[in-house]
Amino acid sequence: MGSRSNQEVHLKWLPKVQRGFSNINLNAALSTFISPIDEAALDGLDFCSDLLSRRMPERILDQGKLKGIYDDTAKLIVKLLKAT
């Protein structure tokens, strides 16, 4: 009696989502992308999202540091635009 690895269980949704992405056509209706992604695939994604957020939560940047990055980027963009 074989047992599935956790990875197999956690990634059962992946083929449906890959099928949706493989059929992307920007000139087609959104339903052509979404149609392979059913409720079970969305539940699997939700489960994986919850598991990842508990086991490997993303660090949240300090607002002051984030503002500094934004300001530096804005200054760089202005310099680049002036240089062209």
N, C-alpha and C. Protein backbone atom coordinates (compact mmCIF):
# COMPACT_ATOMS: atom_id res chain seq x y z
N MET A 1 0.84 -1.18 0.00
CA MET A 1 0.00 0.00 0.00
C MET A 1 0.88 1.24 0.00
N GLY A 2 0.92 1.96 -1.11
CA GLY A 2 1.76 3.14 -1.22
C GLY A 2 1.08 4.35 -0.62
N SER A 3 1.88 5.27 -0.19
CA SER A 3 1.30 6.50 0.34
C SER A 3 1.83 7.68 -0.46
N ARG A 4 0.99 8.65 -0.60
CA ARG A 4 1.40 9.86 -1.32
C ARG A 4 2.27 10.73 -0.44
N SER A 5 3.18 11.42 -1.08
CA SER A 5 3.95 12.40 -0.33
C SER A 5 3.07 13.63 -0.12
N ASN A 6 3.40 14.43 0.85
CA ASN A 6 2.65 15.66 1.07
C ASN A 6 2.65 16.54 -0.16
N GLN A 7 3.75 16.56 -0.88
CA GLN A 7 3.85 17.39 -2.06
C GLN A 7 2.79 17.00 -3.09
N GLU A 8 2.58 15.72 -3.28
CA GLU A 8 1.55 15.29 -4.22
C GLU A 8 0.16 15.76 -3.79
N VAL A 9 -0.11 15.68 -2.52
CA VAL A 9 -1.40 16.11 -2.00
C VAL A 9 -1.56 17.62 -2.12
N HIS A 10 -0.52 18.34 -1.74
CA HIS A 10 -0.60 19.80 -1.72
C HIS A 10 -0.63 20.40 -3.12
N LEU A 11 -0.12 19.69 -4.11
CA LEU A 11 -0.04 20.26 -5.46
C LEU A 11 -1.01 19.63 -6.45
N LYS A 12 -2.07 19.01 -5.96
CA LYS A 12 -3.06 18.42 -6.86
C LYS A 12 -3.72 19.45 -7.76
N TRP A 13 -3.78 20.69 -7.34
CA TRP A 13 -4.40 21.76 -8.09
C TRP A 13 -3.54 22.23 -9.27
N LEU A 14 -2.25 21.96 -9.23
CA LEU A 14 -1.30 22.53 -10.18
C LEU A 14 -1.61 22.23 -11.65
N PRO A 15 -1.94 20.99 -12.05
CA PRO A 15 -2.21 20.75 -13.47
C PRO A 15 -3.35 21.60 -14.04
N LYS A 16 -4.39 21.84 -13.24
CA LYS A 16 -5.51 22.66 -13.72
C LYS A 16 -5.09 24.11 -13.93
N VAL A 17 -4.30 24.63 -13.01
CA VAL A 17 -3.84 26.01 -13.14
C VAL A 17 -2.85 26.11 -14.31
N GLN A 18 -1.98 25.12 -14.46
CA GLN A 18 -1.05 25.13 -15.60
C GLN A 18 -1.81 25.08 -16.92
N ARG A 19 -2.89 24.30 -16.96
CA ARG A 19 -3.70 24.21 -18.17
C ARG A 19 -4.29 25.58 -18.50
N GLY A 20 -4.73 26.30 -17.48
CA GLY A 20 -5.26 27.64 -17.69
C GLY A 20 -4.19 28.57 -18.25
N PHE A 21 -3.00 28.53 -17.69
CA PHE A 21 -1.93 29.40 -18.17
C PHE A 21 -1.43 29.00 -19.56
N SER A 22 -1.48 27.72 -19.87
CA SER A 22 -0.99 27.29 -21.18
C SER A 22 -1.93 27.71 -22.30
N ASN A 23 -3.17 28.03 -21.96
CA ASN A 23 -4.15 28.43 -22.97
C ASN A 23 -4.37 29.94 -23.02
N ILE A 24 -3.49 30.70 -22.41
CA ILE A 24 -3.69 32.15 -22.37
C ILE A 24 -3.68 32.72 -23.79
N ASN A 25 -4.70 33.50 -24.05
CA ASN A 25 -4.82 34.24 -25.30
C ASN A 25 -5.38 35.60 -24.91
N LEU A 26 -4.58 36.64 -25.03
CA LEU A 26 -5.00 37.95 -24.58
C LEU A 26 -6.15 38.52 -25.40
N ASN A 27 -6.42 37.93 -26.55
CA ASN A 27 -7.55 38.38 -27.38
C ASN A 27 -8.83 37.62 -27.07
N ALA A 28 -8.74 36.61 -26.23
CA ALA A 28 -9.91 35.78 -25.90
C ALA A 28 -10.55 36.25 -24.60
N ALA A 29 -11.73 35.74 -24.35
CA ALA A 29 -12.43 36.07 -23.11
C ALA A 29 -11.69 35.47 -21.92
N LEU A 30 -11.82 36.12 -20.77
CA LEU A 30 -11.17 35.65 -19.55
C LEU A 30 -11.62 34.23 -19.20
N SER A 31 -12.81 33.86 -19.59
CA SER A 31 -13.33 32.53 -19.26
C SER A 31 -12.48 31.41 -19.87
N THR A 32 -11.77 31.68 -20.96
CA THR A 32 -10.91 30.63 -21.53
C THR A 32 -9.74 30.32 -20.62
N PHE A 33 -9.30 31.31 -19.84
CA PHE A 33 -8.24 31.09 -18.87
C PHE A 33 -8.80 30.41 -17.61
N ILE A 34 -9.93 30.88 -17.17
CA ILE A 34 -10.48 30.44 -15.89
C ILE A 34 -11.17 29.08 -15.97
N SER A 35 -11.67 28.70 -17.11
CA SER A 35 -12.50 27.49 -17.20
C SER A 35 -11.86 26.22 -16.64
N PRO A 36 -10.54 25.96 -16.84
CA PRO A 36 -9.98 24.73 -16.26
C PRO A 36 -9.80 24.79 -14.74
N ILE A 37 -9.88 25.99 -14.17
CA ILE A 37 -9.62 26.17 -12.74
C ILE A 37 -10.94 26.07 -11.99
N ASP A 38 -11.20 24.90 -11.43
CA ASP A 38 -12.47 24.66 -10.75
C ASP A 38 -12.35 24.94 -9.24
N GLU A 39 -13.43 24.68 -8.53
CA GLU A 39 -13.49 24.94 -7.09
C GLU A 39 -12.44 24.13 -6.33
N ALA A 40 -12.20 22.90 -6.76
CA ALA A 40 -11.20 22.06 -6.08
C ALA A 40 -9.81 22.65 -6.23
N ALA A 41 -9.49 23.18 -7.41
CA ALA A 41 -8.19 23.82 -7.62
C ALA A 41 -8.05 25.06 -6.74
N LEU A 42 -9.11 25.85 -6.65
CA LEU A 42 -9.07 27.05 -5.81
C LEU A 42 -8.93 26.68 -4.34
N ASP A 43 -9.61 25.62 -3.92
CA ASP A 43 -9.47 25.15 -2.53
C ASP A 43 -8.03 24.71 -2.26
N GLY A 44 -7.42 24.01 -3.22
CA GLY A 44 -6.03 23.58 -3.07
C GLY A 44 -5.08 24.76 -2.97
N LEU A 45 -5.31 25.78 -3.80
CA LEU A 45 -4.48 26.99 -3.74
C LEU A 45 -4.65 27.69 -2.39
N ASP A 46 -5.87 27.74 -1.91
CA ASP A 46 -6.14 28.36 -0.62
C ASP A 46 -5.44 27.60 0.50
N PHE A 47 -5.49 26.28 0.45
CA PHE A 47 -4.82 25.46 1.44
C PHE A 47 -3.31 25.70 1.42
N CYS A 48 -2.73 25.71 0.23
CA CYS A 48 -1.28 25.94 0.11
C CYS A 48 -0.90 27.33 0.60
N SER A 49 -1.71 28.32 0.28
CA SER A 49 -1.45 29.68 0.73
C SER A 49 -1.44 29.75 2.26
N ASP A 50 -2.42 29.12 2.87
CA ASP A 50 -2.49 29.10 4.33
C ASP A 50 -1.28 28.40 4.93
N LEU A 51 -0.92 27.25 4.37
CA LEU A 51 0.21 26.48 4.87
C LEU A 51 1.52 27.27 4.75
N LEU A 52 1.73 27.89 3.59
CA LEU A 52 2.95 28.67 3.39
C LEU A 52 3.00 29.88 4.32
N SER A 53 1.87 30.54 4.49
CA SER A 53 1.89 31.74 5.35
C SER A 53 2.17 31.39 6.80
N ARG A 54 1.79 30.18 7.22
CA ARG A 54 2.09 29.78 8.60
C ARG A 54 3.51 29.27 8.75
N ARG A 55 3.99 28.53 7.77
CA ARG A 55 5.34 27.93 7.88
C ARG A 55 6.46 28.86 7.44
N MET A 56 6.19 29.69 6.47
CA MET A 56 7.22 30.59 5.94
C MET A 56 6.62 31.97 5.68
N PRO A 57 6.20 32.67 6.73
CA PRO A 57 5.55 33.97 6.52
C PRO A 57 6.50 34.97 5.88
N GLU A 58 5.92 35.83 5.07
CA GLU A 58 6.72 36.88 4.44
C GLU A 58 6.99 37.99 5.46
N ARG A 59 8.20 38.52 5.36
CA ARG A 59 8.54 39.65 6.22
C ARG A 59 7.83 40.89 5.70
N ILE A 60 7.36 41.70 6.60
CA ILE A 60 6.69 42.94 6.23
C ILE A 60 7.69 44.07 6.42
N LEU A 61 7.88 44.85 5.36
CA LEU A 61 8.82 45.96 5.43
C LEU A 61 8.29 47.06 6.33
N ASP A 62 9.20 47.68 7.04
CA ASP A 62 8.89 48.86 7.83
C ASP A 62 8.43 49.96 6.88
N GLN A 63 7.38 50.68 7.24
CA GLN A 63 6.82 51.72 6.37
C GLN A 63 7.85 52.79 6.02
N GLY A 64 8.69 53.16 6.98
CA GLY A 64 9.73 54.16 6.72
C GLY A 64 10.73 53.67 5.68
N LYS A 65 11.13 52.41 5.80
CA LYS A 65 12.07 51.84 4.85
C LYS A 65 11.44 51.74 3.46
N LEU A 66 10.16 51.35 3.41
CA LEU A 66 9.45 51.24 2.15
C LEU A 66 9.33 52.61 1.48
N LYS A 67 9.05 53.65 2.26
CA LYS A 67 8.96 55.00 1.72
C LYS A 67 10.32 55.44 1.18
N GLY A 68 11.40 55.09 1.88
CA GLY A 68 12.74 55.42 1.41
C GLY A 68 13.05 54.77 0.07
N ILE A 69 12.67 53.50 -0.08
CA ILE A 69 12.88 52.80 -1.36
C ILE A 69 12.07 53.47 -2.46
N TYR A 70 10.83 53.82 -2.15
CA TYR A 70 9.96 54.50 -3.12
C TYR A 70 10.58 55.83 -3.55
N ASP A 71 11.01 56.62 -2.57
CA ASP A 71 11.60 57.93 -2.88
C ASP A 71 12.87 57.79 -3.71
N ASP A 72 13.73 56.85 -3.35
CA ASP A 72 14.96 56.63 -4.12
C ASP A 72 14.65 56.20 -5.56
N THR A 73 13.64 55.38 -5.72
CA THR A 73 13.25 54.93 -7.05
C THR A 73 12.70 56.09 -7.87
N ALA A 74 11.89 56.91 -7.25
CA ALA A 74 11.32 58.06 -7.95
C ALA A 74 12.44 59.01 -8.40
N LYS A 75 13.43 59.25 -7.55
CA LYS A 75 14.56 60.11 -7.91
C LYS A 75 15.35 59.51 -9.07
N LEU A 76 15.56 58.20 -9.03
CA LEU A 76 16.28 57.52 -10.11
C LEU A 76 15.53 57.64 -11.43
N ILE A 77 14.23 57.51 -11.40
CA ILE A 77 13.42 57.63 -12.62
C ILE A 77 13.56 59.03 -13.19
N VAL A 78 13.51 60.04 -12.34
CA VAL A 78 13.66 61.42 -12.80
C VAL A 78 15.04 61.61 -13.45
N LYS A 79 16.08 61.10 -12.82
CA LYS A 79 17.43 61.20 -13.39
C LYS A 79 17.52 60.51 -14.75
N LEU A 80 16.92 59.33 -14.84
CA LEU A 80 16.95 58.60 -16.11
C LEU A 80 16.21 59.35 -17.21
N LEU A 81 15.07 59.91 -16.86
CA LEU A 81 14.30 60.67 -17.86
C LEU A 81 15.05 61.91 -18.32
N LYS A 82 15.76 62.56 -17.42
CA LYS A 82 16.54 63.75 -17.78
C LYS A 82 17.75 63.38 -18.64
N ALA A 83 18.27 62.18 -18.46
CA ALA A 83 19.46 61.74 -19.18
C ALA A 83 19.15 61.37 -20.63
N THR A 84 17.89 61.13 -20.95
CA THR A 84 17.55 60.72 -22.32
C THR A 84 17.17 61.86 -23.19
